[in-house]
């Protein structure tokens, strides 16, 4: 069976859930990667009210859609972040922000991420995608000089905060797929290795592979798949166009807005950027990945009502399945 292609609803949360279902169905998507914000999915309601989950399934079924994963990036960001400030207030539910006391925000966010696993199980999915936040991202420039003890403490802080959350994921049989992304504890190749080491490579914690954030950092997304083959729990497709080379543009984007062409890079419609998509899908085939391929629409320069169906056609044409023998070989080598 071909891998299902889903639409991540995070960039559509300004629209009612049913409207997003209608659009995705009309375009030909197989299902949704449902974001836990807007009216798309309420973690607290899903945990406490069985009828809430039933209503979500009914809406999906009405439009011939399925769900394989949910995403809670916004709350996950607050679990480890330092500092906690008005940026977080702008993305968090009021019940998580509370009085804005940083440690209180982190603890409430951690409890919500544990509940997200419970909500996922009630919905019938076994993967939650999200961010972790990081207490040491602000040290990235390495000046003033950063002592190794400070970096070590950052990874310990991550382990201390996320291990109890992951205990709940183990308890309910759900896995967390961290999106490797700037501002997170794991944002590139070596920080991903260090992050997995920090939690003892426990199986509850894996990765959401999204090549866009790797390409603009100069990280090879193909070798990332091959080297972390046993940790690729979910796949998001988002493209990046790198525009450096004129002596003005840099990788950290100069605090310019998303659509500003003076930036050194930007997100673009899938198939319009610099991600080596064919090689990436061949690598996914080689590791035996059979889960959903989720399109994350984030192009400030194109109308999303045009770009989202275009991206679907691009991915459906390119995300070819490997021969059955190749899957057998991949599973044998990984077992």
Protein backbone atom coordinates (compact mmCIF):
# COMPACT_ATOMS: atom_id res chain seq x y z
CA UNK A 1 0.00 0.00 0.00
CA UNK A 2 1.41 3.46 -0.87
CA UNK A 3 2.43 5.56 2.09
CA UNK A 4 -0.36 7.98 3.05
CA UNK A 5 0.21 11.66 2.34
CA UNK A 6 -1.17 13.99 4.98
CA UNK A 7 -1.49 17.74 5.48
CA UNK A 8 -0.09 19.25 8.68
CA UNK A 9 -2.80 21.57 9.98
CA UNK A 10 -0.55 23.90 12.01
CA UNK A 11 -0.40 26.57 9.31
CA UNK A 12 -4.19 26.27 8.82
CA UNK A 13 -5.26 26.74 12.42
CA UNK A 14 -6.92 30.06 11.58
CA UNK A 15 -9.57 27.99 9.76
CA UNK A 16 -12.11 25.73 11.47
CA UNK A 17 -11.11 22.09 11.63
CA UNK A 18 -13.98 21.00 9.41
CA UNK A 19 -13.02 23.51 6.73
CA UNK A 20 -9.46 22.17 6.68
CA UNK A 21 -10.86 18.65 6.36
CA UNK A 22 -12.98 19.75 3.41
CA UNK A 23 -10.06 21.40 1.65
CA UNK A 24 -7.67 18.49 2.23
CA UNK A 25 -10.27 16.02 0.99
CA UNK A 26 -11.04 18.05 -2.12
CA UNK A 27 -7.34 18.23 -2.96
CA UNK A 28 -6.85 14.47 -2.54
CA UNK A 29 -4.95 14.16 0.73
CA UNK A 30 -5.23 10.84 2.56
CA UNK A 31 -5.44 12.40 6.00
CA UNK A 32 -4.20 15.03 8.41
CA UNK A 33 -1.36 15.53 10.86
CA UNK A 34 -3.52 17.38 13.38
CA UNK A 35 -2.09 20.34 15.29
CA UNK A 36 -3.07 20.80 18.94
CA UNK A 37 -4.05 24.43 18.56
CA UNK A 38 -6.82 26.49 17.02
CA UNK A 39 -9.98 24.37 17.19
CA UNK A 40 -8.19 21.45 15.55
CA UNK A 41 -7.41 19.39 18.65
CA UNK A 42 -7.80 20.20 22.34
CA UNK A 43 -5.63 17.93 24.48
CA UNK A 44 -7.54 18.55 27.71
CA UNK A 45 -10.90 17.87 26.05
CA UNK A 46 -9.59 14.70 24.42
CA UNK A 47 -8.33 13.36 27.75
CA UNK A 48 -11.50 14.15 29.69
CA UNK A 49 -14.37 13.73 27.21
CA UNK A 50 -14.75 10.57 25.08
CA UNK A 51 -17.34 12.31 22.90
CA UNK A 52 -14.74 14.89 21.85
CA UNK A 53 -12.52 12.26 20.24
CA UNK A 54 -15.55 10.61 18.66
CA UNK A 55 -16.55 13.93 17.09
CA UNK A 56 -13.07 14.35 15.56
CA UNK A 57 -13.21 10.88 14.03
CA UNK A 58 -16.70 11.60 12.71
CA UNK A 59 -15.52 14.77 10.99
CA UNK A 60 -12.53 13.00 9.47
CA UNK A 61 -14.73 10.15 8.26
CA UNK A 62 -17.20 12.61 6.73
CA UNK A 63 -14.43 13.75 4.38
CA UNK A 64 -12.77 10.37 3.86
CA UNK A 65 -9.67 11.27 5.87
CA UNK A 66 -7.58 9.46 8.47
CA UNK A 67 -5.10 10.52 11.12
CA UNK A 68 -1.79 8.85 11.99
CA UNK A 69 -0.19 11.53 14.19
CA UNK A 70 -0.88 14.70 16.17
CA UNK A 71 1.49 17.59 16.80
CA UNK A 72 2.00 19.80 19.83
CA UNK A 73 4.98 21.94 18.93
CA UNK A 74 3.84 25.10 20.73
CA UNK A 75 3.43 23.66 24.21
CA UNK A 76 6.48 21.41 23.85
CA UNK A 77 8.59 24.50 23.16
CA UNK A 78 7.96 25.79 26.67
CA UNK A 79 9.11 22.66 28.52
CA UNK A 80 12.83 23.53 28.46
CA UNK A 81 13.02 27.05 27.08
CA UNK A 82 15.03 29.84 28.67
CA UNK A 83 14.07 32.59 28.83
CA UNK A 84 10.28 32.27 29.02
CA UNK A 85 8.85 35.57 27.85
CA UNK A 86 6.18 37.31 25.77
CA UNK A 87 6.99 35.13 22.76
CA UNK A 88 5.68 32.13 24.67
CA UNK A 89 2.63 34.00 25.91
CA UNK A 90 1.76 34.58 22.25
CA UNK A 91 1.71 30.86 21.38
CA UNK A 92 0.58 29.10 24.55
CA UNK A 93 -2.95 28.41 25.79
CA UNK A 94 -3.90 30.67 28.69
CA UNK A 95 -4.06 27.67 31.04
CA UNK A 96 -0.39 26.90 30.29
CA UNK A 97 0.81 30.50 30.50
CA UNK A 98 -1.01 31.12 33.78
CA UNK A 99 0.69 33.97 35.62
CA UNK A 100 3.75 33.78 33.37
CA UNK A 101 6.10 32.60 36.11
CA UNK A 102 8.80 30.81 34.02
CA UNK A 103 9.10 27.65 36.09
CA UNK A 104 5.34 27.40 36.41
CA UNK A 105 5.00 27.67 32.64
CA UNK A 106 7.57 24.92 32.13
CA UNK A 107 5.89 22.58 34.59
CA UNK A 108 2.42 23.12 33.15
CA UNK A 109 3.81 22.60 29.65
CA UNK A 110 5.43 19.34 30.73
CA UNK A 111 2.15 18.11 32.19
CA UNK A 112 0.36 19.00 28.95
CA UNK A 113 2.92 17.11 26.87
CA UNK A 114 2.34 14.04 29.02
CA UNK A 115 -1.40 14.48 28.52
CA UNK A 116 -0.78 14.78 24.78
CA UNK A 117 0.40 11.16 24.80
CA UNK A 118 -2.80 10.14 26.59
CA UNK A 119 -4.88 12.14 24.11
CA UNK A 120 -3.07 10.55 21.17
CA UNK A 121 -3.82 7.09 22.52
CA UNK A 122 -7.52 7.97 22.93
CA UNK A 123 -7.54 9.22 19.33
CA UNK A 124 -5.95 5.96 18.23
CA UNK A 125 -2.59 7.28 17.01
CA UNK A 126 0.84 6.29 18.27
CA UNK A 127 3.04 9.27 17.33
CA UNK A 128 3.15 12.79 18.74
CA UNK A 129 5.32 15.32 16.89
CA UNK A 130 6.69 18.35 18.65
CA UNK A 131 9.44 20.56 19.99
CA UNK A 132 11.35 20.26 23.26
CA UNK A 133 12.61 23.77 23.81
CA UNK A 134 16.15 24.35 25.05
CA UNK A 135 17.74 26.08 28.02
CA UNK A 136 21.00 26.56 26.09
CA UNK A 137 19.93 27.68 22.60
CA UNK A 138 20.69 31.27 23.64
CA UNK A 139 24.37 30.28 23.97
CA UNK A 140 24.63 29.36 20.28
CA UNK A 141 27.02 32.22 19.35
CA UNK A 142 29.46 30.90 21.99
CA UNK A 143 30.27 34.44 23.11
CA UNK A 144 30.65 35.39 25.86
CA UNK A 145 32.62 32.16 26.10
CA UNK A 146 30.40 29.25 27.16
CA UNK A 147 31.90 26.76 29.62
CA UNK A 148 31.36 23.10 28.82
CA UNK A 149 29.65 22.73 32.18
CA UNK A 150 26.90 25.06 30.99
CA UNK A 151 26.28 22.97 27.86
CA UNK A 152 26.31 19.78 29.92
CA UNK A 153 23.78 21.30 32.30
CA UNK A 154 21.51 22.12 29.36
CA UNK A 155 21.37 18.50 28.23
CA UNK A 156 20.84 17.37 31.82
CA UNK A 157 17.98 19.85 32.14
CA UNK A 158 16.42 18.36 29.00
CA UNK A 159 16.76 14.83 30.37
CA UNK A 160 15.38 15.77 33.77
CA UNK A 161 12.32 17.45 32.27
CA UNK A 162 11.58 15.02 29.44
CA UNK A 163 12.26 11.63 31.02
CA UNK A 164 9.15 11.84 33.23
CA UNK A 165 7.11 12.88 30.18
CA UNK A 166 8.50 9.96 28.19
CA UNK A 167 7.56 7.61 31.03
CA UNK A 168 3.93 8.43 30.19
CA UNK A 169 4.58 7.81 26.48
CA UNK A 170 5.92 4.36 27.38
CA UNK A 171 2.96 3.74 29.65
CA UNK A 172 0.36 4.39 26.93
CA UNK A 173 2.32 3.01 23.96
CA UNK A 174 2.92 6.30 22.12
CA UNK A 175 6.23 7.63 20.75
CA UNK A 176 7.43 11.23 20.66
CA UNK A 177 8.96 12.45 17.37
CA UNK A 178 11.09 15.52 18.03
CA UNK A 179 11.39 17.90 15.12
CA UNK A 180 15.08 18.73 14.76
CA UNK A 181 14.92 22.51 14.44
CA UNK A 182 16.79 25.67 15.43
CA UNK A 183 15.89 26.80 18.98
CA UNK A 184 15.52 23.17 20.16
CA UNK A 185 17.82 20.95 22.22
CA UNK A 186 18.49 18.98 19.01
CA UNK A 187 18.82 21.33 16.04
CA UNK A 188 21.45 19.68 13.80
CA UNK A 189 23.38 16.44 13.41
CA UNK A 190 25.67 16.48 16.44
CA UNK A 191 23.13 17.99 18.81
CA UNK A 192 20.77 15.19 17.81
CA UNK A 193 23.41 12.62 18.77
CA UNK A 194 23.98 14.39 22.09
CA UNK A 195 20.23 14.59 22.78
CA UNK A 196 19.71 10.87 22.24
CA UNK A 197 22.68 10.14 24.50
CA UNK A 198 21.24 12.39 27.21
CA UNK A 199 18.17 10.15 27.57
CA UNK A 200 19.96 6.86 27.07
CA UNK A 201 18.56 6.33 23.57
CA UNK A 202 15.21 5.33 25.07
CA UNK A 203 12.80 4.19 22.30
CA UNK A 204 10.00 6.54 23.35
CA UNK A 205 11.98 9.46 21.91
CA UNK A 206 12.61 9.63 18.17
CA UNK A 207 12.67 12.15 15.37
CA UNK A 208 10.38 13.93 12.98
CA UNK A 209 12.45 14.27 9.80
CA UNK A 210 11.95 17.67 8.17
CA UNK A 211 14.73 18.52 5.68
CA UNK A 212 14.05 22.25 5.43
CA UNK A 213 15.78 23.15 8.69
CA UNK A 214 18.74 20.96 7.81
CA UNK A 215 19.35 22.35 4.32
CA UNK A 216 19.58 25.97 5.38
CA UNK A 217 22.05 24.98 8.11
CA UNK A 218 24.17 23.00 5.64
CA UNK A 219 23.27 19.60 7.13
CA UNK A 220 22.79 16.74 4.65
CA UNK A 221 19.20 15.48 5.08
CA UNK A 222 19.95 12.22 3.23
CA UNK A 223 22.76 11.07 5.50
CA UNK A 224 20.66 12.20 8.46
CA UNK A 225 18.03 9.63 7.45
CA UNK A 226 20.61 6.90 7.01
CA UNK A 227 22.46 7.59 10.26
CA UNK A 228 19.33 7.92 12.40
CA UNK A 229 17.37 5.20 10.59
CA UNK A 230 15.96 3.63 13.75
CA UNK A 231 14.73 7.01 15.05
CA UNK A 232 12.74 8.33 12.08
CA UNK A 233 9.24 8.08 13.55
CA UNK A 234 7.53 10.58 11.26
CA UNK A 235 8.24 12.58 8.10
CA UNK A 236 7.34 16.20 7.30
CA UNK A 237 7.94 17.69 3.86
CA UNK A 238 8.87 21.35 3.79
CA UNK A 239 11.28 22.95 1.33
CA UNK A 240 13.92 25.66 1.75
CA UNK A 241 15.51 28.01 -0.74
CA UNK A 242 19.01 29.14 0.20
CA UNK A 243 19.77 32.64 -1.12
CA UNK A 244 23.23 33.35 0.27
CA UNK A 245 26.15 34.26 -1.97
CA UNK A 246 25.78 37.97 -2.66
CA UNK A 247 27.90 39.05 0.31
CA UNK A 248 24.92 40.51 2.18
CA UNK A 249 22.79 37.57 3.25
CA UNK A 250 23.62 35.25 6.11
CA UNK A 251 22.35 32.04 7.64
CA UNK A 252 20.83 33.74 10.71
CA UNK A 253 18.60 35.99 8.57
CA UNK A 254 19.33 39.41 10.12
CA UNK A 255 16.01 39.61 12.02
CA UNK A 256 14.23 40.08 8.69
CA UNK A 257 10.66 38.84 8.21
CA UNK A 258 9.78 35.49 6.63
CA UNK A 259 8.92 36.88 3.20
CA UNK A 260 11.79 39.38 2.99
CA UNK A 261 13.96 38.48 -0.02
CA UNK A 262 17.02 39.99 1.72
CA UNK A 263 17.11 36.94 3.99
CA UNK A 264 19.73 34.28 3.32
CA UNK A 265 17.05 31.58 3.13
CA UNK A 266 13.32 31.08 3.23
CA UNK A 267 10.70 28.36 3.21
CA UNK A 268 9.21 27.77 -0.24
CA UNK A 269 6.66 25.46 -1.82
CA UNK A 270 7.73 21.82 -1.81
CA UNK A 271 9.66 21.16 -5.01
CA UNK A 272 10.67 24.81 -5.49
CA UNK A 273 13.71 24.82 -3.21
CA UNK A 274 17.04 23.14 -2.56
CA UNK A 275 16.03 19.92 -0.79
CA UNK A 276 17.25 16.89 -2.80
CA UNK A 277 13.84 15.24 -2.67
CA UNK A 278 14.48 12.19 -4.83
CA UNK A 279 17.57 11.22 -2.86
CA UNK A 280 15.65 11.81 0.37
CA UNK A 281 12.79 9.52 -0.63
CA UNK A 282 15.22 6.87 -1.81
CA UNK A 283 16.87 7.06 1.62
CA UNK A 284 13.49 6.69 3.33
CA UNK A 285 12.87 3.64 1.18
CA UNK A 286 16.25 2.20 2.08
CA UNK A 287 15.53 2.36 5.84
CA UNK A 288 12.08 0.82 5.38
CA UNK A 289 10.04 3.86 6.42
CA UNK A 290 6.38 3.11 5.69
CA UNK A 291 4.65 5.81 7.75
CA UNK A 292 2.85 8.94 6.57
CA UNK A 293 4.48 11.65 4.48
CA UNK A 294 3.12 14.90 5.84
CA UNK A 295 3.21 18.16 3.89
CA UNK A 296 3.88 21.23 6.03
CA UNK A 297 2.81 24.27 4.09
CA UNK A 298 4.85 27.39 4.97
CA UNK A 299 5.55 29.62 1.96
CA UNK A 300 4.95 33.33 2.55
CA UNK A 301 5.39 33.99 -1.16
CA UNK A 302 2.62 31.75 -2.53
CA UNK A 303 -1.11 31.48 -1.90
CA UNK A 304 -1.57 28.38 0.24
CA UNK A 305 -4.77 27.42 -1.59
CA UNK A 306 -2.64 27.05 -4.72
CA UNK A 307 0.51 25.72 -3.11
CA UNK A 308 -0.92 22.98 -0.89
CA UNK A 309 -2.52 20.99 -3.74
CA UNK A 310 0.54 21.60 -5.91
CA UNK A 311 2.79 20.22 -3.17
CA UNK A 312 0.58 17.15 -2.86
CA UNK A 313 0.96 16.35 -6.55
CA UNK A 314 4.72 16.82 -6.36
CA UNK A 315 5.12 14.52 -3.36
CA UNK A 316 2.69 11.90 -4.63
CA UNK A 317 4.65 11.64 -7.87
CA UNK A 318 8.05 11.49 -6.18
CA UNK A 319 7.38 9.52 -2.99
CA UNK A 320 7.47 6.23 -4.82
CA UNK A 321 7.47 3.01 -2.85
CA UNK A 322 10.52 0.77 -2.90
CA UNK A 323 10.19 -2.78 -4.25
CA UNK A 324 8.99 -5.22 -1.61
CA UNK A 325 12.39 -6.93 -1.63
CA UNK A 326 14.07 -3.68 -0.65
CA UNK A 327 11.79 -3.34 2.36
CA UNK A 328 12.50 -6.91 3.36
CA UNK A 329 16.23 -6.26 3.15
CA UNK A 330 15.94 -3.03 5.14
CA UNK A 331 13.94 -4.63 7.91
CA UNK A 332 16.37 -7.56 8.07
CA UNK A 333 19.40 -5.28 8.38
CA UNK A 334 17.75 -3.16 11.08
CA UNK A 335 16.54 -6.06 13.20
